[in-house]
Amino acid sequence: MSQTADTYRTPDLAAKFRTMWGSAEPSLAEGTYHADSVPRHGDPRWGLSLVVPIDGNTAVRTMWQVHANP
Protein backbone atom coordinates (compact mmCIF):
# COMPACT_ATOMS: atom_id res chain seq x y z
CA MET A 1 0.00 0.00 0.00
CA SER A 2 1.53 3.33 -1.03
CA GLN A 3 1.38 6.48 1.05
CA THR A 4 -0.09 9.63 -0.47
CA ALA A 5 0.53 13.24 0.47
CA ASP A 6 -2.92 13.29 2.09
CA THR A 7 -1.75 10.64 4.55
CA TYR A 8 0.63 13.14 6.12
CA ARG A 9 -1.54 16.23 5.81
CA THR A 10 -2.50 18.10 8.99
CA PRO A 11 -6.28 18.59 8.88
CA ASP A 12 -6.20 22.02 10.54
CA LEU A 13 -2.80 23.62 10.03
CA ALA A 14 -3.80 26.81 11.85
CA ALA A 15 -4.80 24.80 14.93
CA LYS A 16 -1.53 22.86 14.78
CA PHE A 17 0.45 26.12 14.60
CA ARG A 18 -1.47 27.60 17.55
CA THR A 19 -0.73 24.47 19.59
CA MET A 20 2.96 24.53 18.70
CA TRP A 21 3.23 28.27 19.40
CA GLY A 22 1.33 27.91 22.67
CA SER A 23 3.79 25.32 23.92
CA ALA A 24 6.87 27.32 22.87
CA GLU A 25 5.80 30.90 23.66
CA PRO A 26 6.45 30.86 27.43
CA SER A 27 10.06 29.72 27.03
CA LEU A 28 10.58 32.17 24.15
CA ALA A 29 9.31 35.03 26.34
CA GLU A 30 11.55 33.94 29.24
CA GLY A 31 14.58 33.49 27.00
CA THR A 32 14.92 29.83 27.95
CA TYR A 33 13.96 28.27 24.61
CA HIS A 34 16.62 25.99 23.14
CA ALA A 35 16.33 25.57 19.38
CA ASP A 36 17.39 22.38 17.66
CA SER A 37 20.80 22.45 16.06
CA VAL A 38 21.11 22.85 12.31
CA PRO A 39 20.79 19.40 10.70
CA ARG A 40 23.94 17.88 9.22
CA HIS A 41 24.23 15.70 6.16
CA GLY A 42 22.49 12.41 6.83
CA ASP A 43 20.34 13.66 9.71
CA PRO A 44 16.79 12.31 9.46
CA ARG A 45 15.29 15.67 10.44
CA TRP A 46 15.35 18.72 8.21
CA GLY A 47 13.41 21.91 8.83
CA LEU A 48 10.77 23.34 6.56
CA SER A 49 11.53 26.51 4.63
CA LEU A 50 8.79 28.73 3.38
CA VAL A 51 9.28 31.53 0.89
CA VAL A 52 6.51 34.09 0.70
CA PRO A 53 6.70 37.03 -1.68
CA ILE A 54 5.84 40.30 0.04
CA ASP A 55 5.33 43.77 -1.28
CA GLY A 56 4.14 47.21 -0.26
CA ASN A 57 4.42 48.35 3.35
CA THR A 58 5.28 44.87 4.59
CA ALA A 59 8.31 44.69 2.31
CA VAL A 60 9.46 48.18 3.30
CA ARG A 61 9.12 47.46 7.04
CA THR A 62 10.87 44.11 6.69
CA MET A 63 13.82 45.62 4.83
CA TRP A 64 14.03 48.40 7.42
CA GLN A 65 14.19 45.80 10.21
CA VAL A 66 16.83 43.76 8.39
CA HIS A 67 19.08 46.78 7.90
CA ALA A 68 18.42 48.24 11.35
CA ASN A 69 19.33 44.99 13.13
CA PRO A 70 22.29 43.45 11.35
C-alpha atoms as a PDB file:
ATOM      1  CA  MET A   1       0.000   0.000   0.000  1.00  0.00           C
ATOM      2  CA  SER A   2       1.529   3.331  -1.026  1.00  0.00           C
ATOM      3  CA  GLN A   3       1.377   6.475   1.054  1.00  0.00           C
ATOM      4  CA  THR A   4      -0.087   9.626  -0.470  1.00  0.00           C
ATOM      5  CA  ALA A   5       0.535  13.241   0.474  1.00  0.00           C
ATOM      6  CA  ASP A   6      -2.920  13.287   2.087  1.00  0.00           C
ATOM      7  CA  THR A   7      -1.752  10.641   4.550  1.00  0.00           C
ATOM      8  CA  TYR A   8       0.632  13.140   6.119  1.00  0.00           C
ATOM      9  CA  ARG A   9      -1.541  16.233   5.812  1.00  0.00           C
ATOM     10  CA  THR A  10      -2.505  18.099   8.990  1.00  0.00           C
ATOM     11  CA  PRO A  11      -6.276  18.593   8.878  1.00  0.00           C
ATOM     12  CA  ASP A  12      -6.205  22.018  10.538  1.00  0.00           C
ATOM     13  CA  LEU A  13      -2.805  23.616  10.027  1.00  0.00           C
ATOM     14  CA  ALA A  14      -3.803  26.809  11.847  1.00  0.00           C
ATOM     15  CA  ALA A  15      -4.799  24.805  14.931  1.00  0.00           C
ATOM     16  CA  LYS A  16      -1.528  22.861  14.777  1.00  0.00           C
ATOM     17  CA  PHE A  17       0.448  26.123  14.597  1.00  0.00           C
ATOM     18  CA  ARG A  18      -1.474  27.597  17.554  1.00  0.00           C
ATOM     19  CA  THR A  19      -0.735  24.467  19.585  1.00  0.00           C
ATOM     20  CA  MET A  20       2.956  24.527  18.699  1.00  0.00           C
ATOM     21  CA  TRP A  21       3.227  28.270  19.404  1.00  0.00           C
ATOM     22  CA  GLY A  22       1.331  27.911  22.670  1.00  0.00           C
ATOM     23  CA  SER A  23       3.794  25.317  23.924  1.00  0.00           C
ATOM     24  CA  ALA A  24       6.868  27.323  22.869  1.00  0.00           C
ATOM     25  CA  GLU A  25       5.802  30.896  23.660  1.00  0.00           C
ATOM     26  CA  PRO A  26       6.455  30.862  27.427  1.00  0.00           C
ATOM     27  CA  SER A  27      10.063  29.717  27.030  1.00  0.00           C
ATOM     28  CA  LEU A  28      10.578  32.168  24.152  1.00  0.00           C
ATOM     29  CA  ALA A  29       9.305  35.026  26.338  1.00  0.00           C
ATOM     30  CA  GLU A  30      11.551  33.939  29.237  1.00  0.00           C
ATOM     31  CA  GLY A  31      14.585  33.487  27.000  1.00  0.00           C
ATOM     32  CA  THR A  32      14.923  29.826  27.953  1.00  0.00           C
ATOM     33  CA  TYR A  33      13.957  28.266  24.609  1.00  0.00           C
ATOM     34  CA  HIS A  34      16.625  25.986  23.135  1.00  0.00           C
ATOM     35  CA  ALA A  35      16.334  25.570  19.385  1.00  0.00           C
ATOM     36  CA  ASP A  36      17.392  22.376  17.659  1.00  0.00           C
ATOM     37  CA  SER A  37      20.795  22.452  16.057  1.00  0.00           C
ATOM     38  CA  VAL A  38      21.106  22.845  12.311  1.00  0.00           C
ATOM     39  CA  PRO A  39      20.791  19.399  10.701  1.00  0.00           C
ATOM     40  CA  ARG A  40      23.935  17.881   9.225  1.00  0.00           C
ATOM     41  CA  HIS A  41      24.235  15.705   6.155  1.00  0.00           C
ATOM     42  CA  GLY A  42      22.494  12.411   6.831  1.00  0.00           C
ATOM     43  CA  ASP A  43      20.341  13.657   9.715  1.00  0.00           C
ATOM     44  CA  PRO A  44      16.788  12.313   9.459  1.00  0.00           C
ATOM     45  CA  ARG A  45      15.286  15.675  10.439  1.00  0.00           C
ATOM     46  CA  TRP A  46      15.346  18.721   8.215  1.00  0.00           C
ATOM     47  CA  GLY A  47      13.409  21.906   8.828  1.00  0.00           C
ATOM     48  CA  LEU A  48      10.771  23.337   6.557  1.00  0.00           C
ATOM     49  CA  SER A  49      11.533  26.513   4.634  1.00  0.00           C
ATOM     50  CA  LEU A  50       8.789  28.729   3.377  1.00  0.00           C
ATOM     51  CA  VAL A  51       9.284  31.532   0.888  1.00  0.00           C
ATOM     52  CA  VAL A  52       6.509  34.090   0.702  1.00  0.00           C
ATOM     53  CA  PRO A  53       6.700  37.027  -1.677  1.00  0.00           C
ATOM     54  CA  ILE A  54       5.837  40.300   0.043  1.00  0.00           C
ATOM     55  CA  ASP A  55       5.334  43.775  -1.284  1.00  0.00           C
ATOM     56  CA  GLY A  56       4.138  47.208  -0.257  1.00  0.00           C
ATOM     57  CA  ASN A  57       4.425  48.349   3.345  1.00  0.00           C
ATOM     58  CA  THR A  58       5.280  44.866   4.589  1.00  0.00           C
ATOM     59  CA  ALA A  59       8.311  44.689   2.308  1.00  0.00           C
ATOM     60  CA  VAL A  60       9.460  48.184   3.304  1.00  0.00           C
ATOM     61  CA  ARG A  61       9.118  47.459   7.036  1.00  0.00           C
ATOM     62  CA  THR A  62      10.868  44.107   6.687  1.00  0.00           C
ATOM     63  CA  MET A  63      13.817  45.619   4.830  1.00  0.00           C
ATOM     64  CA  TRP A  64      14.034  48.405   7.415  1.00  0.00           C
ATOM     65  CA  GLN A  65      14.190  45.799  10.212  1.00  0.00           C
ATOM     66  CA  VAL A  66      16.831  43.757   8.391  1.00  0.00           C
ATOM     67  CA  HIS A  67      19.076  46.782   7.903  1.00  0.00           C
ATOM     68  CA  ALA A  68      18.419  48.241  11.346  1.00  0.00           C
ATOM     69  CA  ASN A  69      19.325  44.991  13.133  1.00  0.00           C
ATOM     70  CA  PRO A  70      22.294  43.445  11.352  1.00  0.00           C
END
